């Protein structure tokens, strides 16, 4: 089966960066994941403001999405090999509710 897939086509990536061969595919998938996080925020989480009051608001929004993407990638690296996906963690966290008191937070 592997021989059939191996001969099924060609996968080409062009880059202006000088990279080792083993670095190319992981960087490509990282780029793909960054696009996925931005798409998730824009299409499903309604994070993209429809009307922005200023350029600063838009830049703040983009910075926030960038921070989320960095956290997502860090979680992915920490959880690698554990069988737990960062997306699953975020879905679980979305369902958590809490009560905040002066000295205690109850989840």
C-alpha atoms as a PDB file:
ATOM      1  CA  UNK A   1       0.000   0.000   0.000  1.00  0.00           C
ATOM      2  CA  UNK A   2       2.839   2.401   0.864  1.00  0.00           C
ATOM      3  CA  UNK A   3       4.384   1.927  -2.594  1.00  0.00           C
ATOM      4  CA  UNK A   4       1.115   2.949  -4.242  1.00  0.00           C
ATOM      5  CA  UNK A   5       0.830   6.114  -2.150  1.00  0.00           C
ATOM      6  CA  UNK A   6       4.507   6.944  -2.608  1.00  0.00           C
ATOM      7  CA  UNK A   7       4.133   6.897  -6.388  1.00  0.00           C
ATOM      8  CA  UNK A   8       0.758   8.694  -6.434  1.00  0.00           C
ATOM      9  CA  UNK A   9       2.069  12.219  -6.883  1.00  0.00           C
ATOM     10  CA  UNK A  10       4.539  14.928  -6.016  1.00  0.00           C
ATOM     11  CA  UNK A  11       4.545  17.294  -3.047  1.00  0.00           C
ATOM     12  CA  UNK A  12       6.559  20.487  -3.665  1.00  0.00           C
ATOM     13  CA  UNK A  13       7.255  23.337  -1.257  1.00  0.00           C
ATOM     14  CA  UNK A  14       9.118  26.474  -2.292  1.00  0.00           C
ATOM     15  CA  UNK A  15      10.782  28.682   0.286  1.00  0.00           C
ATOM     16  CA  UNK A  16      13.028  31.710   0.307  1.00  0.00           C
ATOM     17  CA  UNK A  17      14.618  30.344   3.501  1.00  0.00           C
ATOM     18  CA  UNK A  18      17.555  27.951   3.502  1.00  0.00           C
ATOM     19  CA  UNK A  19      16.273  24.996   5.549  1.00  0.00           C
ATOM     20  CA  UNK A  20      17.369  21.480   6.341  1.00  0.00           C
ATOM     21  CA  UNK A  21      15.197  18.854   4.670  1.00  0.00           C
ATOM     22  CA  UNK A  22      13.840  17.579   8.018  1.00  0.00           C
ATOM     23  CA  UNK A  23      12.670  21.117   8.937  1.00  0.00           C
ATOM     24  CA  UNK A  24      10.551  21.811   5.857  1.00  0.00           C
ATOM     25  CA  UNK A  25       7.459  19.689   6.491  1.00  0.00           C
ATOM     26  CA  UNK A  26       7.079  20.563  10.215  1.00  0.00           C
ATOM     27  CA  UNK A  27       7.266  24.278   9.331  1.00  0.00           C
ATOM     28  CA  UNK A  28       4.660  23.819   6.631  1.00  0.00           C
ATOM     29  CA  UNK A  29       2.294  22.107   9.071  1.00  0.00           C
ATOM     30  CA  UNK A  30       2.917  24.836  11.660  1.00  0.00           C
ATOM     31  CA  UNK A  31       1.885  27.434   9.070  1.00  0.00           C
ATOM     32  CA  UNK A  32      -1.194  25.363   8.285  1.00  0.00           C
ATOM     33  CA  UNK A  33      -2.096  25.203  11.982  1.00  0.00           C
ATOM     34  CA  UNK A  34      -1.681  28.968  12.368  1.00  0.00           C
ATOM     35  CA  UNK A  35      -4.104  29.488   9.491  1.00  0.00           C
ATOM     36  CA  UNK A  36      -6.478  27.004  11.132  1.00  0.00           C
ATOM     37  CA  UNK A  37      -6.415  28.902  14.466  1.00  0.00           C
ATOM     38  CA  UNK A  38      -7.103  32.222  12.716  1.00  0.00           C
ATOM     39  CA  UNK A  39      -9.891  30.575  10.704  1.00  0.00           C
ATOM     40  CA  UNK A  40     -11.380  29.029  13.844  1.00  0.00           C
ATOM     41  CA  UNK A  41     -11.423  32.409  15.583  1.00  0.00           C
ATOM     42  CA  UNK A  42     -12.891  34.159  12.574  1.00  0.00           C
ATOM     43  CA  UNK A  43     -15.474  31.627  11.426  1.00  0.00           C
ATOM     44  CA  UNK A  44     -16.648  29.831  14.566  1.00  0.00           C
ATOM     45  CA  UNK A  45     -15.826  31.978  17.576  1.00  0.00           C
ATOM     46  CA  UNK A  46     -17.004  35.310  16.149  1.00  0.00           C
ATOM     47  CA  UNK A  47     -13.744  36.911  17.246  1.00  0.00           C
ATOM     48  CA  UNK A  48     -13.409  39.111  14.200  1.00  0.00           C
ATOM     49  CA  UNK A  49     -15.030  42.470  14.862  1.00  0.00           C
ATOM     50  CA  UNK A  50     -17.320  43.472  12.037  1.00  0.00           C
ATOM     51  CA  UNK A  51     -16.631  47.146  12.529  1.00  0.00           C
ATOM     52  CA  UNK A  52     -13.497  48.386  14.210  1.00  0.00           C
ATOM     53  CA  UNK A  53     -13.294  51.811  15.737  1.00  0.00           C
ATOM     54  CA  UNK A  54      -9.624  52.272  14.975  1.00  0.00           C
ATOM     55  CA  UNK A  55      -6.472  50.678  13.717  1.00  0.00           C
ATOM     56  CA  UNK A  56      -5.420  50.130  17.342  1.00  0.00           C
ATOM     57  CA  UNK A  57      -8.511  47.966  17.954  1.00  0.00           C
ATOM     58  CA  UNK A  58      -7.729  45.839  14.920  1.00  0.00           C
ATOM     59  CA  UNK A  59      -4.067  45.495  15.949  1.00  0.00           C
ATOM     60  CA  UNK A  60      -5.147  44.534  19.460  1.00  0.00           C
ATOM     61  CA  UNK A  61      -7.444  41.890  18.055  1.00  0.00           C
ATOM     62  CA  UNK A  62      -4.719  40.459  15.821  1.00  0.00           C
ATOM     63  CA  UNK A  63      -2.312  40.411  18.764  1.00  0.00           C
ATOM     64  CA  UNK A  64      -4.864  38.517  20.865  1.00  0.00           C
ATOM     65  CA  UNK A  65      -5.374  35.919  18.131  1.00  0.00           C
ATOM     66  CA  UNK A  66      -1.586  35.612  17.782  1.00  0.00           C
ATOM     67  CA  UNK A  67      -1.231  34.986  21.546  1.00  0.00           C
ATOM     68  CA  UNK A  68      -3.927  32.302  21.350  1.00  0.00           C
ATOM     69  CA  UNK A  69      -2.057  30.672  18.489  1.00  0.00           C
ATOM     70  CA  UNK A  70       1.195  30.669  20.497  1.00  0.00           C
ATOM     71  CA  UNK A  71      -0.573  29.096  23.498  1.00  0.00           C
ATOM     72  CA  UNK A  72      -2.143  26.511  21.204  1.00  0.00           C
ATOM     73  CA  UNK A  73       1.259  25.581  19.722  1.00  0.00           C
ATOM     74  CA  UNK A  74       2.888  25.393  23.175  1.00  0.00           C
ATOM     75  CA  UNK A  75       0.101  23.119  24.400  1.00  0.00           C
ATOM     76  CA  UNK A  76       0.493  20.991  21.312  1.00  0.00           C
ATOM     77  CA  UNK A  77       4.212  20.586  21.982  1.00  0.00           C
ATOM     78  CA  UNK A  78       3.660  19.734  25.661  1.00  0.00           C
ATOM     79  CA  UNK A  79       0.926  17.211  24.852  1.00  0.00           C
ATOM     80  CA  UNK A  80       2.762  15.554  21.936  1.00  0.00           C
ATOM     81  CA  UNK A  81       2.640  11.791  22.367  1.00  0.00           C
ATOM     82  CA  UNK A  82       0.076  11.906  25.179  1.00  0.00           C
ATOM     83  CA  UNK A  83      -2.911  11.226  22.932  1.00  0.00           C
ATOM     84  CA  UNK A  84      -4.631  14.440  24.102  1.00  0.00           C
ATOM     85  CA  UNK A  85      -5.328  17.102  21.489  1.00  0.00           C
ATOM     86  CA  UNK A  86      -5.191  20.826  22.375  1.00  0.00           C
ATOM     87  CA  UNK A  87      -8.488  21.348  20.552  1.00  0.00           C
ATOM     88  CA  UNK A  88     -10.120  18.807  22.883  1.00  0.00           C
ATOM     89  CA  UNK A  89      -8.799  20.734  25.899  1.00  0.00           C
ATOM     90  CA  UNK A  90     -10.256  23.986  24.580  1.00  0.00           C
ATOM     91  CA  UNK A  91     -13.610  22.313  23.933  1.00  0.00           C
ATOM     92  CA  UNK A  92     -13.643  20.985  27.505  1.00  0.00           C
ATOM     93  CA  UNK A  93     -12.677  24.405  28.866  1.00  0.00           C
ATOM     94  CA  UNK A  94     -15.538  26.025  26.919  1.00  0.00           C
ATOM     95  CA  UNK A  95     -17.990  23.922  28.921  1.00  0.00           C
ATOM     96  CA  UNK A  96     -16.546  24.774  32.331  1.00  0.00           C
ATOM     97  CA  UNK A  97     -18.330  27.314  34.479  1.00  0.00           C
ATOM     98  CA  UNK A  98     -17.228  28.779  37.779  1.00  0.00           C
ATOM     99  CA  UNK A  99     -18.342  30.872  40.719  1.00  0.00           C
ATOM    100  CA  UNK A 100     -15.891  33.500  41.912  1.00  0.00           C
ATOM    101  CA  UNK A 101     -15.982  34.402  45.605  1.00  0.00           C
ATOM    102  CA  UNK A 102     -13.664  36.686  47.568  1.00  0.00           C
ATOM    103  CA  UNK A 103     -11.274  33.912  48.601  1.00  0.00           C
ATOM    104  CA  UNK A 104     -12.269  31.002  46.380  1.00  0.00           C
ATOM    105  CA  UNK A 105     -13.114  30.001  42.846  1.00  0.00           C
ATOM    106  CA  UNK A 106     -15.384  26.966  42.465  1.00  0.00           C
ATOM    107  CA  UNK A 107     -15.373  25.239  39.087  1.00  0.00           C
END
